[in-house]
């Protein structure tokens, strides 16, 4: 049975963040979609002063380009345990199981990029 656990993600180079529920069976594609949706709709992920921006339906959307885990140092040998790991399709299940065992101390760091948008 897949374990579910809460996780926090931050969008790099900003204070934008939010929490989500992950499963040890979550795929990387599903995680990317979940983070992209939250980043577009959550008040915790709103860019500074964004409420004053003009809404442009044809504007490029933000999508996830990379996800890393910043591992908590507590309870781990800092000499041998990595500080961060890039999440890939190949290691996603193992990474999520390690995060589940970390009791919410590990953080997903997300790189976003602009994609799509309307033609002008």
PDB file of N, CA and C in Angstrom:
ATOM      1  N   UNK A   1       0.839  -1.184   0.000  1.00  0.00           N
ATOM      2  CA  UNK A   1       0.000   0.000   0.000  1.00  0.00           C
ATOM      3  C   UNK A   1       0.884   1.246   0.000  1.00  0.00           C
ATOM      4  N   UNK A   2       0.484   2.233  -0.768  1.00  0.00           N
ATOM      5  CA  UNK A   2       1.264   3.469  -0.868  1.00  0.00           C
ATOM      6  C   UNK A   2       0.993   4.358   0.341  1.00  0.00           C
ATOM      7  N   UNK A   3       2.055   4.870   0.915  1.00  0.00           N
ATOM      8  CA  UNK A   3       1.931   5.787   2.048  1.00  0.00           C
ATOM      9  C   UNK A   3       1.757   7.206   1.522  1.00  0.00           C
ATOM     10  N   UNK A   4       0.898   7.993   2.168  1.00  0.00           N
ATOM     11  CA  UNK A   4       0.720   9.402   1.837  1.00  0.00           C
ATOM     12  C   UNK A   4       1.330  10.232   2.948  1.00  0.00           C
ATOM     13  N   UNK A   5       1.934  11.353   2.558  1.00  0.00           N
ATOM     14  CA  UNK A   5       2.581  12.212   3.546  1.00  0.00           C
ATOM     15  C   UNK A   5       2.581  13.652   3.042  1.00  0.00           C
ATOM     16  N   UNK A   6       2.588  14.626   3.950  1.00  0.00           N
ATOM     17  CA  UNK A   6       2.646  16.027   3.540  1.00  0.00           C
ATOM     18  C   UNK A   6       4.072  16.408   3.156  1.00  0.00           C
ATOM     19  N   UNK A   7       4.178  17.312   2.198  1.00  0.00           N
ATOM     20  CA  UNK A   7       5.482  17.821   1.781  1.00  0.00           C
ATOM     21  C   UNK A   7       5.349  19.303   1.470  1.00  0.00           C
ATOM     22  N   UNK A   8       6.421  20.033   1.679  1.00  0.00           N
ATOM     23  CA  UNK A   8       6.457  21.447   1.336  1.00  0.00           C
ATOM     24  C   UNK A   8       7.335  21.609   0.101  1.00  0.00           C
ATOM     25  N   UNK A   9       6.913  22.513  -0.788  1.00  0.00           N
ATOM     26  CA  UNK A   9       7.779  22.867  -1.907  1.00  0.00           C
ATOM     27  C   UNK A   9       7.984  24.366  -1.910  1.00  0.00           C
ATOM     28  N   UNK A  10       9.149  24.773  -2.355  1.00  0.00           N
ATOM     29  CA  UNK A  10       9.458  26.183  -2.534  1.00  0.00           C
ATOM     30  C   UNK A  10       9.844  26.395  -3.986  1.00  0.00           C
ATOM     31  N   UNK A  11       9.509  27.560  -4.492  1.00  0.00           N
ATOM     32  CA  UNK A  11       9.918  27.918  -5.846  1.00  0.00           C
ATOM     33  C   UNK A  11      11.210  28.700  -5.695  1.00  0.00           C
ATOM     34  N   UNK A  12      12.270  28.188  -6.316  1.00  0.00           N
ATOM     35  CA  UNK A  12      13.606  28.739  -6.079  1.00  0.00           C
ATOM     36  C   UNK A  12      13.669  30.228  -6.403  1.00  0.00           C
ATOM     37  N   UNK A  13      14.562  30.893  -5.702  1.00  0.00           N
ATOM     38  CA  UNK A  13      14.810  32.335  -5.845  1.00  0.00           C
ATOM     39  C   UNK A  13      13.582  33.186  -5.513  1.00  0.00           C
ATOM     40  N   UNK A  14      12.741  32.691  -4.615  1.00  0.00           N
ATOM     41  CA  UNK A  14      11.573  33.460  -4.197  1.00  0.00           C
ATOM     42  C   UNK A  14      11.105  32.949  -2.835  1.00  0.00           C
ATOM     43  N   UNK A  15      10.094  33.597  -2.299  1.00  0.00           N
ATOM     44  CA  UNK A  15       9.500  33.115  -1.052  1.00  0.00           C
ATOM     45  C   UNK A  15       8.217  32.337  -1.345  1.00  0.00           C
ATOM     46  N   UNK A  16       7.948  32.072  -2.611  1.00  0.00           N
ATOM     47  CA  UNK A  16       6.750  31.335  -3.012  1.00  0.00           C
ATOM     48  C   UNK A  16       6.877  29.874  -2.555  1.00  0.00           C
ATOM     49  N   UNK A  17       5.805  29.353  -1.972  1.00  0.00           N
ATOM     50  CA  UNK A  17       5.834  28.001  -1.419  1.00  0.00           C
ATOM     51  C   UNK A  17       4.414  27.491  -1.246  1.00  0.00           C
ATOM     52  N   UNK A  18       4.262  26.227  -0.971  1.00  0.00           N
ATOM     53  CA  UNK A  18       2.985  25.656  -0.546  1.00  0.00           C
ATOM     54  C   UNK A  18       3.212  24.227  -0.089  1.00  0.00           C
ATOM     55  N   UNK A  19       2.171  23.628   0.440  1.00  0.00           N
ATOM     56  CA  UNK A  19       2.205  22.249   0.909  1.00  0.00           C
ATOM     57  C   UNK A  19       1.317  21.397   0.018  1.00  0.00           C
ATOM     58  N   UNK A  20       1.668  20.134  -0.091  1.00  0.00           N
ATOM     59  CA  UNK A  20       0.857  19.192  -0.839  1.00  0.00           C
ATOM     60  C   UNK A  20       0.974  17.821  -0.212  1.00  0.00           C
ATOM     61  N   UNK A  21       0.078  16.939  -0.595  1.00  0.00           N
ATOM     62  CA  UNK A  21       0.124  15.553  -0.121  1.00  0.00           C
ATOM     63  C   UNK A  21       0.732  14.708  -1.226  1.00  0.00           C
ATOM     64  N   UNK A  22       1.800  14.003  -0.896  1.00  0.00           N
ATOM     65  CA  UNK A  22       2.467  13.100  -1.827  1.00  0.00           C
ATOM     66  C   UNK A  22       2.191  11.664  -1.414  1.00  0.00           C
ATOM     67  N   UNK A  23       2.336  10.791  -2.359  1.00  0.00           N
ATOM     68  CA  UNK A  23       2.270   9.363  -2.108  1.00  0.00           C
ATOM     69  C   UNK A  23       3.597   8.773  -2.539  1.00  0.00           C
ATOM     70  N   UNK A  24       3.975   7.686  -1.931  1.00  0.00           N
ATOM     71  CA  UNK A  24       5.206   7.020  -2.359  1.00  0.00           C
ATOM     72  C   UNK A  24       5.057   6.457  -3.763  1.00  0.00           C
ATOM     73  N   UNK A  25       3.845   6.433  -4.303  1.00  0.00           N
ATOM     74  CA  UNK A  25       3.591   5.949  -5.668  1.00  0.00           C
ATOM     75  C   UNK A  25       3.360   7.084  -6.662  1.00  0.00           C
ATOM     76  N   UNK A  26       3.497   8.352  -6.238  1.00  0.00           N
ATOM     77  CA  UNK A  26       3.305   9.489  -7.129  1.00  0.00           C
ATOM     78  C   UNK A  26       4.363   9.471  -8.227  1.00  0.00           C
ATOM     79  N   UNK A  27       3.934   9.699  -9.460  1.00  0.00           N
ATOM     80  CA  UNK A  27       4.901   9.779 -10.558  1.00  0.00           C
ATOM     81  C   UNK A  27       5.454  11.202 -10.639  1.00  0.00           C
ATOM     82  N   UNK A  28       6.588  11.348 -11.272  1.00  0.00           N
ATOM     83  CA  UNK A  28       7.197  12.669 -11.428  1.00  0.00           C
ATOM     84  C   UNK A  28       6.294  13.570 -12.271  1.00  0.00           C
ATOM     85  N   UNK A  29       5.665  13.031 -13.302  1.00  0.00           N
ATOM     86  CA  UNK A  29       4.760  13.818 -14.147  1.00  0.00           C
ATOM     87  C   UNK A  29       3.577  14.339 -13.328  1.00  0.00           C
ATOM     88  N   UNK A  30       3.005  13.481 -12.465  1.00  0.00           N
ATOM     89  CA  UNK A  30       1.894  13.913 -11.613  1.00  0.00           C
ATOM     90  C   UNK A  30       2.333  14.996 -10.633  1.00  0.00           C
ATOM     91  N   UNK A  31       3.531  14.852 -10.076  1.00  0.00           N
ATOM     92  CA  UNK A  31       4.047  15.853  -9.150  1.00  0.00           C
ATOM     93  C   UNK A  31       4.259  17.185  -9.861  1.00  0.00           C
ATOM     94  N   UNK A  32       4.833  17.148 -11.062  1.00  0.00           N
ATOM     95  CA  UNK A  32       5.027  18.382 -11.842  1.00  0.00           C
ATOM     96  C   UNK A  32       3.684  19.075 -12.097  1.00  0.00           C
ATOM     97  N   UNK A  33       2.665  18.302 -12.490  1.00  0.00           N
ATOM     98  CA  UNK A  33       1.342  18.874 -12.752  1.00  0.00           C
ATOM     99  C   UNK A  33       0.726  19.458 -11.489  1.00  0.00           C
ATOM    100  N   UNK A  34       0.849  18.750 -10.383  1.00  0.00           N
ATOM    101  CA  UNK A  34       0.281  19.218  -9.118  1.00  0.00           C
ATOM    102  C   UNK A  34       0.941  20.526  -8.673  1.00  0.00           C
ATOM    103  N   UNK A  35       2.264  20.602  -8.796  1.00  0.00           N
ATOM    104  CA  UNK A  35       2.978  21.817  -8.400  1.00  0.00           C
ATOM    105  C   UNK A  35       2.629  22.969  -9.345  1.00  0.00           C
ATOM    106  N   UNK A  36       2.571  22.719 -10.648  1.00  0.00           N
ATOM    107  CA  UNK A  36       2.216  23.779 -11.610  1.00  0.00           C
ATOM    108  C   UNK A  36       0.830  24.339 -11.318  1.00  0.00           C
ATOM    109  N   UNK A  37      -0.128  23.459 -10.998  1.00  0.00           N
ATOM    110  CA  UNK A  37      -1.484  23.896 -10.681  1.00  0.00           C
ATOM    111  C   UNK A  37      -1.505  24.725  -9.401  1.00  0.00           C
ATOM    112  N   UNK A  38      -0.825  24.252  -8.364  1.00  0.00           N
ATOM    113  CA  UNK A  38      -0.769  25.006  -7.107  1.00  0.00           C
ATOM    114  C   UNK A  38      -0.067  26.345  -7.283  1.00  0.00           C
ATOM    115  N   UNK A  39       1.017  26.361  -8.057  1.00  0.00           N
ATOM    116  CA  UNK A  39       1.765  27.603  -8.261  1.00  0.00           C
ATOM    117  C   UNK A  39       0.907  28.658  -8.948  1.00  0.00           C
ATOM    118  N   UNK A  40      -0.009  28.224  -9.805  1.00  0.00           N
ATOM    119  CA  UNK A  40      -0.868  29.166 -10.528  1.00  0.00           C
ATOM    120  C   UNK A  40      -2.047  29.645  -9.689  1.00  0.00           C
ATOM    121  N   UNK A  41      -2.467  28.858  -8.680  1.00  0.00           N
ATOM    122  CA  UNK A  41      -3.703  29.193  -7.979  1.00  0.00           C
ATOM    123  C   UNK A  41      -3.547  29.537  -6.494  1.00  0.00           C
ATOM    124  N   UNK A  42      -2.474  29.130  -5.872  1.00  0.00           N
ATOM    125  CA  UNK A  42      -2.338  29.307  -4.426  1.00  0.00           C
ATOM    126  C   UNK A  42      -1.898  30.723  -4.049  1.00  0.00           C
ATOM    127  N   UNK A  43      -2.512  31.304  -3.022  1.00  0.00           N
ATOM    128  CA  UNK A  43      -2.048  32.622  -2.559  1.00  0.00           C
ATOM    129  C   UNK A  43      -0.629  32.564  -1.994  1.00  0.00           C
ATOM    130  N   UNK A  44      -0.193  31.391  -1.527  1.00  0.00           N
ATOM    131  CA  UNK A  44       1.175  31.252  -1.020  1.00  0.00           C
ATOM    132  C   UNK A  44       2.204  31.295  -2.142  1.00  0.00           C
ATOM    133  N   UNK A  45       1.754  31.051  -3.369  1.00  0.00           N
ATOM    134  CA  UNK A  45       2.660  31.036  -4.522  1.00  0.00           C
ATOM    135  C   UNK A  45       2.533  32.292  -5.375  1.00  0.00           C
ATOM    136  N   UNK A  46       1.703  33.221  -4.953  1.00  0.00           N
ATOM    137  CA  UNK A  46       1.519  34.450  -5.727  1.00  0.00           C
ATOM    138  C   UNK A  46       2.803  35.273  -5.703  1.00  0.00           C
ATOM    139  N   UNK A  47       3.153  35.809  -6.851  1.00  0.00           N
ATOM    140  CA  UNK A  47       4.332  36.667  -6.924  1.00  0.00           C
ATOM    141  C   UNK A  47       4.027  37.992  -6.234  1.00  0.00           C
ATOM    142  N   UNK A  48       5.064  38.613  -5.710  1.00  0.00           N
ATOM    143  CA  UNK A  48       4.924  39.896  -5.032  1.00  0.00           C
ATOM    144  C   UNK A  48       4.261  40.905  -5.968  1.00  0.00           C
ATOM    145  N   UNK A  49       3.241  41.574  -5.489  1.00  0.00           N
ATOM    146  CA  UNK A  49       2.501  42.609  -6.213  1.00  0.00           C
ATOM    147  C   UNK A  49       1.692  42.051  -7.389  1.00  0.00           C
ATOM    148  N   UNK A  50       1.522  40.746  -7.467  1.00  0.00           N
ATOM    149  CA  UNK A  50       0.812  40.156  -8.603  1.00  0.00           C
ATOM    150  C   UNK A  50      -0.659  40.543  -8.640  1.00  0.00           C
ATOM    151  N   UNK A  51      -1.220  40.874  -7.490  1.00  0.00           N
ATOM    152  CA  UNK A  51      -2.635  41.246  -7.497  1.00  0.00           C
ATOM    153  C   UNK A  51      -2.873  42.557  -8.240  1.00  0.00           C
ATOM    154  N   UNK A  52      -1.813  43.320  -8.488  1.00  0.00           N
ATOM    155  CA  UNK A  52      -1.949  44.570  -9.218  1.00  0.00           C
ATOM    156  C   UNK A  52      -1.640  44.415 -10.704  1.00  0.00           C
ATOM    157  N   UNK A  53      -1.179  43.228 -11.096  1.00  0.00           N
ATOM    158  CA  UNK A  53      -0.877  42.981 -12.502  1.00  0.00           C
ATOM    159  C   UNK A  53      -2.160  42.804 -13.293  1.00  0.00           C
ATOM    160  N   UNK A  54      -2.122  43.245 -14.533  1.00  0.00           N
ATOM    161  CA  UNK A  54      -3.244  43.043 -15.434  1.00  0.00           C
ATOM    162  C   UNK A  54      -3.287  41.565 -15.822  1.00  0.00           C
ATOM    163  N   UNK A  55      -4.463  40.966 -15.761  1.00  0.00           N
ATOM    164  CA  UNK A  55      -4.617  39.561 -16.127  1.00  0.00           C
ATOM    165  C   UNK A  55      -4.581  39.442 -17.650  1.00  0.00           C
ATOM    166  N   UNK A  56      -3.701  38.587 -18.138  1.00  0.00           N
ATOM    167  CA  UNK A  56      -3.559  38.363 -19.574  1.00  0.00           C
ATOM    168  C   UNK A  56      -3.745  36.868 -19.831  1.00  0.00           C
ATOM    169  N   UNK A  57      -4.879  36.513 -20.421  1.00  0.00           N
ATOM    170  CA  UNK A  57      -5.196  35.103 -20.657  1.00  0.00           C
ATOM    171  C   UNK A  57      -4.203  34.441 -21.606  1.00  0.00           C
ATOM    172  N   UNK A  58      -3.589  35.227 -22.490  1.00  0.00           N
ATOM    173  CA  UNK A  58      -2.634  34.673 -23.447  1.00  0.00           C
ATOM    174  C   UNK A  58      -1.210  34.658 -22.929  1.00  0.00           C
ATOM    175  N   UNK A  59      -1.029  35.055 -21.665  1.00  0.00           N
ATOM    176  CA  UNK A  59       0.318  35.116 -21.086  1.00  0.00           C
ATOM    177  C   UNK A  59       0.897  33.710 -20.947  1.00  0.00           C
ATOM    178  N   UNK A  60       2.215  33.598 -21.022  1.00  0.00           N
ATOM    179  CA  UNK A  60       2.838  32.286 -20.836  1.00  0.00           C
ATOM    180  C   UNK A  60       2.535  31.731 -19.451  1.00  0.00           C
ATOM    181  N   UNK A  61       2.365  30.446 -19.383  1.00  0.00           N
ATOM    182  CA  UNK A  61       2.118  29.765 -18.120  1.00  0.00           C
ATOM    183  C   UNK A  61       3.438  29.263 -17.555  1.00  0.00           C
ATOM    184  N   UNK A  62       3.493  29.162 -16.235  1.00  0.00           N
ATOM    185  CA  UNK A  62       4.681  28.610 -15.587  1.00  0.00           C
ATOM    186  C   UNK A  62       4.551  27.096 -15.514  1.00  0.00           C
ATOM    187  N   UNK A  63       5.622  26.418 -15.869  1.00  0.00           N
ATOM    188  CA  UNK A  63       5.673  24.967 -15.730  1.00  0.00           C
ATOM    189  C   UNK A  63       6.938  24.597 -14.970  1.00  0.00           C
ATOM    190  N   UNK A  64       6.931  23.432 -14.401  1.00  0.00           N
ATOM    191  CA  UNK A  64       8.061  22.945 -13.615  1.00  0.00           C
ATOM    192  C   UNK A  64       9.150  22.451 -14.569  1.00  0.00           C
ATOM    193  N   UNK A  65      10.363  22.969 -14.404  1.00  0.00           N
ATOM    194  CA  UNK A  65      11.473  22.502 -15.236  1.00  0.00           C
ATOM    195  C   UNK A  65      12.381  21.529 -14.485  1.00  0.00           C
ATOM    196  N   UNK A  66      12.473  21.677 -13.154  1.00  0.00           N
ATOM    197  CA  UNK A  66      13.311  20.779 -12.372  1.00  0.00           C
ATOM    198  C   UNK A  66      12.830  20.755 -10.929  1.00  0.00           C
ATOM    199  N   UNK A  67      12.952  19.589 -10.304  1.00  0.00           N
ATOM    200  CA  UNK A  67      12.605  19.433  -8.890  1.00  0.00           C
ATOM    201  C   UNK A  67      13.800  18.804  -8.183  1.00  0.00           C
ATOM    202  N   UNK A  68      14.206  19.428  -7.090  1.00  0.00           N
ATOM    203  CA  UNK A  68      15.272  18.889  -6.246  1.00  0.00           C
ATOM    204  C   UNK A  68      14.709  18.698  -4.849  1.00  0.00           C
ATOM    205  N   UNK A  69      15.297  17.782  -4.113  1.00  0.00           N
ATOM    206  CA  UNK A  69      14.980  17.635  -2.695  1.00  0.00           C
ATOM    207  C   UNK A  69      16.154  18.189  -1.907  1.00  0.00           C
ATOM    208  N   UNK A  70      15.875  19.112  -1.017  1.00  0.00           N
ATOM    209  CA  UNK A  70      16.866  19.601  -0.060  1.00  0.00           C
ATOM    210  C   UNK A  70      16.676  18.749   1.193  1.00  0.00           C
ATOM    211  N   UNK A  71      17.649  17.883   1.460  1.00  0.00           N
ATOM    212  CA  UNK A  71      17.535  16.937   2.561  1.00  0.00           C
ATOM    213  C   UNK A  71      17.843  17.608   3.888  1.00  0.00           C
ATOM    214  N   UNK A  72      17.039  17.316   4.887  1.00  0.00           N
ATOM    215  CA  UNK A  72      17.296  17.797   6.239  1.00  0.00           C
ATOM    216  C   UNK A  72      18.538  17.089   6.777  1.00  0.00           C
ATOM    217  N   UNK A  73      19.369  17.805   7.495  1.00  0.00           N
ATOM    218  CA  UNK A  73      20.607  17.236   8.022  1.00  0.00           C
ATOM    219  C   UNK A  73      20.371  16.439   9.310  1.00  0.00           C
ATOM    220  N   UNK A  74      19.319  16.763  10.008  1.00  0.00           N
ATOM    221  CA  UNK A  74      19.045  16.127  11.302  1.00  0.00           C
ATOM    222  C   UNK A  74      18.869  14.615  11.158  1.00  0.00           C
ATOM    223  N   UNK A  75      19.626  13.879  11.937  1.00  0.00           N
ATOM    224  CA  UNK A  75      19.516  12.434  11.953  1.00  0.00           C
ATOM    225  C   UNK A  75      20.245  11.734  10.820  1.00  0.00           C
ATOM    226  N   UNK A  76      21.020  12.473  10.036  1.00  0.00           N
ATOM    227  CA  UNK A  76      21.745  11.882   8.914  1.00  0.00           C
ATOM    228  C   UNK A  76      23.215  12.259   9.029  1.00  0.00           C
ATOM    229  N   UNK A  77      24.064  11.360   8.612  1.00  0.00           N
ATOM    230  CA  UNK A  77      25.501  11.621   8.634  1.00  0.00           C
ATOM    231  C   UNK A  77      25.827  12.611   7.520  1.00  0.00           C
ATOM    232  N   UNK A  78      26.160  13.841   7.893  1.00  0.00           N
ATOM    233  CA  UNK A  78      26.397  14.905   6.922  1.00  0.00           C
ATOM    234  C   UNK A  78      27.643  14.676   6.078  1.00  0.00           C
ATOM    235  N   UNK A  79      28.521  13.803   6.531  1.00  0.00           N
ATOM    236  CA  UNK A  79      29.736  13.522   5.761  1.00  0.00           C
ATOM    237  C   UNK A  79      29.433  12.684   4.525  1.00  0.00           C
ATOM    238  N   UNK A  80      28.411  11.820   4.616  1.00  0.00           N
ATOM    239  CA  UNK A  80      28.135  10.927   3.487  1.00  0.00           C
ATOM    240  C   UNK A  80      26.776  11.162   2.831  1.00  0.00           C
ATOM    241  N   UNK A  81      25.814  11.757   3.541  1.00  0.00           N
ATOM    242  CA  UNK A  81      24.482  11.953   2.968  1.00  0.00           C
ATOM    243  C   UNK A  81      24.470  13.238   2.143  1.00  0.00           C
ATOM    244  N   UNK A  82      23.892  13.220   0.934  1.00  0.00           N
ATOM    245  CA  UNK A  82      23.888  14.416   0.083  1.00  0.00           C
ATOM    246  C   UNK A  82      23.021  15.534   0.658  1.00  0.00           C
ATOM    247  N   UNK A  83      23.343  16.771   0.288  1.00  0.00           N
ATOM    248  CA  UNK A  83      22.543  17.918   0.711  1.00  0.00           C
ATOM    249  C   UNK A  83      21.297  18.051  -0.150  1.00  0.00           C
ATOM    250  N   UNK A  84      21.407  17.637  -1.428  1.00  0.00           N
ATOM    251  CA  UNK A  84      20.263  17.726  -2.323  1.00  0.00           C
ATOM    252  C   UNK A  84      20.337  16.634  -3.384  1.00  0.00           C
ATOM    253  N   UNK A  85      19.174  16.326  -3.965  1.00  0.00           N
ATOM    254  CA  UNK A  85      19.073  15.317  -5.008  1.00  0.00           C
ATOM    255  C   UNK A  85      18.080  15.801  -6.049  1.00  0.00           C
ATOM    256  N   UNK A  86      18.436  15.708  -7.325  1.00  0.00           N
ATOM    257  CA  UNK A  86      17.507  16.013  -8.400  1.00  0.00           C
ATOM    258  C   UNK A  86      16.546  14.830  -8.528  1.00  0.00           C
ATOM    259  N   UNK A  87      15.246  15.119  -8.567  1.00  0.00           N
ATOM    260  CA  UNK A  87      14.240  14.065  -8.687  1.00  0.00           C
ATOM    261  C   UNK A  87      14.055  13.743 -10.170  1.00  0.00           C
ATOM    262  N   UNK A  88      14.172  12.462 -10.508  1.00  0.00           N
ATOM    263  CA  UNK A  88      13.984  11.981 -11.878  1.00  0.00           C
ATOM    264  C   UNK A  88      12.935  10.867 -11.864  1.00  0.00           C
ATOM    265  N   UNK A  89      12.484  10.464 -13.051  1.00  0.00           N
ATOM    266  CA  UNK A  89      11.535   9.342 -13.121  1.00  0.00           C
ATOM    267  C   UNK A  89      12.137   8.092 -12.491  1.00  0.00           C
ATOM    268  N   UNK A  90      13.445   7.916 -12.684  1.00  0.00           N
ATOM    269  CA  UNK A  90      14.109   6.711 -12.193  1.00  0.00           C
ATOM    270  C   UNK A  90      14.221   6.660 -10.671  1.00  0.00           C
ATOM    271  N   UNK A  91      14.390   7.819 -10.022  1.00  0.00           N
ATOM    272  CA  UNK A  91      14.588   7.792  -8.570  1.00  0.00           C
ATOM    273  C   UNK A  91      13.400   8.318  -7.770  1.00  0.00           C
ATOM    274  N   UNK A  92      12.337   8.737  -8.438  1.00  0.00           N
ATOM    275  CA  UNK A  92      11.217   9.399  -7.755  1.00  0.00           C
ATOM    276  C   UNK A  92      10.632   8.553  -6.624  1.00  0.00           C
ATOM    277  N   UNK A  93      10.371   7.287  -6.870  1.00  0.00           N
ATOM    278  CA  UNK A  93       9.756   6.439  -5.844  1.00  0.00           C
ATOM    279  C   UNK A  93      10.653   6.315  -4.612  1.00  0.00           C
ATOM    280  N   UNK A  94      11.940   6.125  -4.833  1.00  0.00           N
ATOM    281  CA  UNK A  94      12.878   6.014  -3.709  1.00  0.00           C
ATOM    282  C   UNK A  94      12.989   7.339  -2.954  1.00  0.00           C
ATOM    283  N   UNK A  95      13.039   8.444  -3.687  1.00  0.00           N
ATOM    284  CA  UNK A  95      13.125   9.763  -3.054  1.00  0.00           C
ATOM    285  C   UNK A  95      11.897  10.007  -2.191  1.00  0.00           C
ATOM    286  N   UNK A  96      10.713   9.690  -2.720  1.00  0.00           N
ATOM    287  CA  UNK A  96       9.488   9.922  -1.955  1.00  0.00           C
ATOM    288  C   UNK A  96       9.417   9.033  -0.717  1.00  0.00           C
ATOM    289  N   UNK A  97       9.937   7.809  -0.794  1.00  0.00           N
ATOM    290  CA  UNK A  97       9.973   6.946   0.389  1.00  0.00           C
ATOM    291  C   UNK A  97      10.916   7.515   1.445  1.00  0.00           C
ATOM    292  N   UNK A  98      12.056   8.063   1.001  1.00  0.00           N
ATOM    293  CA  UNK A  98      12.985   8.703   1.949  1.00  0.00           C
ATOM    294  C   UNK A  98      12.347   9.940   2.578  1.00  0.00           C
ATOM    295  N   UNK A  99      11.619  10.720   1.775  1.00  0.00           N
ATOM    296  CA  UNK A  99      10.941  11.900   2.313  1.00  0.00           C
ATOM    297  C   UNK A  99       9.886  11.494   3.337  1.00  0.00           C
ATOM    298  N   UNK A 100       9.158  10.425   3.057  1.00  0.00           N
ATOM    299  CA  UNK A 100       8.142   9.922   3.990  1.00  0.00           C
ATOM    300  C   UNK A 100       8.796   9.551   5.321  1.00  0.00           C
ATOM    301  N   UNK A 101       9.957   8.922   5.262  1.00  0.00           N
ATOM    302  CA  UNK A 101      10.677   8.540   6.476  1.00  0.00           C
ATOM    303  C   UNK A 101      11.246   9.751   7.215  1.00  0.00           C
ATOM    304  N   UNK A 102      11.417  10.877   6.512  1.00  0.00           N
ATOM    305  CA  UNK A 102      11.983  12.085   7.111  1.00  0.00           C
ATOM    306  C   UNK A 102      11.005  12.915   7.903  1.00  0.00           C
ATOM    307  N   UNK A 103       9.755  12.498   7.971  1.00  0.00           N
ATOM    308  CA  UNK A 103       8.737  13.178   8.781  1.00  0.00           C
ATOM    309  C   UNK A 103       8.564  14.662   8.458  1.00  0.00           C
ATOM    310  N   UNK A 104       8.576  15.015   7.181  1.00  0.00           N
ATOM    311  CA  UNK A 104       8.291  16.389   6.776  1.00  0.00           C
ATOM    312  C   UNK A 104       9.436  17.365   6.908  1.00  0.00           C
ATOM    313  N   UNK A 105      10.635  16.885   7.128  1.00  0.00           N
ATOM    314  CA  UNK A 105      11.782  17.783   7.309  1.00  0.00           C
ATOM    315  C   UNK A 105      12.468  18.126   5.995  1.00  0.00           C
ATOM    316  N   UNK A 106      12.237  17.335   4.957  1.00  0.00           N
ATOM    317  CA  UNK A 106      12.874  17.557   3.665  1.00  0.00           C
ATOM    318  C   UNK A 106      11.991  18.472   2.812  1.00  0.00           C
ATOM    319  N   UNK A 107      12.609  19.267   1.945  1.00  0.00           N
ATOM    320  CA  UNK A 107      11.894  20.274   1.173  1.00  0.00           C
ATOM    321  C   UNK A 107      12.144  20.070  -0.317  1.00  0.00           C
ATOM    322  N   UNK A 108      11.069  20.155  -1.097  1.00  0.00           N
ATOM    323  CA  UNK A 108      11.199  20.126  -2.551  1.00  0.00           C
ATOM    324  C   UNK A 108      11.500  21.541  -3.032  1.00  0.00           C
ATOM    325  N   UNK A 109      12.563  21.704  -3.791  1.00  0.00           N
ATOM    326  CA  UNK A 109      12.886  22.999  -4.385  1.00  0.00           C
ATOM    327  C   UNK A 109      12.587  22.895  -5.876  1.00  0.00           C
ATOM    328  N   UNK A 110      11.758  23.810  -6.374  1.00  0.00           N
ATOM    329  CA  UNK A 110      11.246  23.720  -7.731  1.00  0.00           C
ATOM    330  C   UNK A 110      11.764  24.876  -8.586  1.00  0.00           C
ATOM    331  N   UNK A 111      12.245  24.538  -9.774  1.00  0.00           N
ATOM    332  CA  UNK A 111      12.605  25.539 -10.781  1.00  0.00           C
ATOM    333  C   UNK A 111      11.425  25.651 -11.732  1.00  0.00           C
ATOM    334  N   UNK A 112      10.964  26.863 -11.982  1.00  0.00           N
ATOM    335  CA  UNK A 112       9.842  27.084 -12.899  1.00  0.00           C
ATOM    336  C   UNK A 112      10.342  27.794 -14.149  1.00  0.00           C
ATOM    337  N   UNK A 113       9.648  27.561 -15.264  1.00  0.00           N
ATOM    338  CA  UNK A 113       9.955  28.264 -16.504  1.00  0.00           C
ATOM    339  C   UNK A 113       8.653  28.673 -17.174  1.00  0.00           C
ATOM    340  N   UNK A 114       8.724  29.714 -17.986  1.00  0.00           N
ATOM    341  CA  UNK A 114       7.559  30.179 -18.731  1.00  0.00           C
ATOM    342  C   UNK A 114       7.378  29.280 -19.951  1.00  0.00           C
ATOM    343  N   UNK A 115       6.136  28.910 -20.237  1.00  0.00           N
ATOM    344  CA  UNK A 115       5.871  28.104 -21.421  1.00  0.00           C
ATOM    345  C   UNK A 115       4.517  28.480 -21.995  1.00  0.00           C
ATOM    346  N   UNK A 116       4.329  28.182 -23.253  1.00  0.00           N
ATOM    347  CA  UNK A 116       3.040  28.454 -23.906  1.00  0.00           C
ATOM    348  C   UNK A 116       2.804  29.923 -24.109  1.00  0.00           C
ATOM    349  N   UNK A 117       1.544  30.297 -24.037  1.00  0.00           N
ATOM    350  CA  UNK A 117       1.172  31.703 -24.247  1.00  0.00           C
ATOM    351  C   UNK A 117       0.607  31.891 -25.618  1.00  0.00           C
ATOM    352  N   UNK A 118      -0.081  32.979 -25.786  1.00  0.00           N
ATOM    353  CA  UNK A 118      -0.740  33.268 -27.054  1.00  0.00           C
ATOM    354  C   UNK A 118       0.180  33.942 -28.040  1.00  0.00           C
ATOM    355  N   UNK A 119      -0.174  33.865 -29.309  1.00  0.00           N
ATOM    356  CA  UNK A 119       0.596  34.550 -30.371  1.00  0.00           C
ATOM    357  C   UNK A 119       0.158  35.987 -30.453  1.00  0.00           C
ATOM    358  N   UNK A 120       1.086  36.847 -30.791  1.00  0.00           N
ATOM    359  CA  UNK A 120       0.762  38.282 -30.897  1.00  0.00           C
ATOM    360  C   UNK A 120       0.880  38.728 -32.311  1.00  0.00           C
TER     361      UNK A 120
END
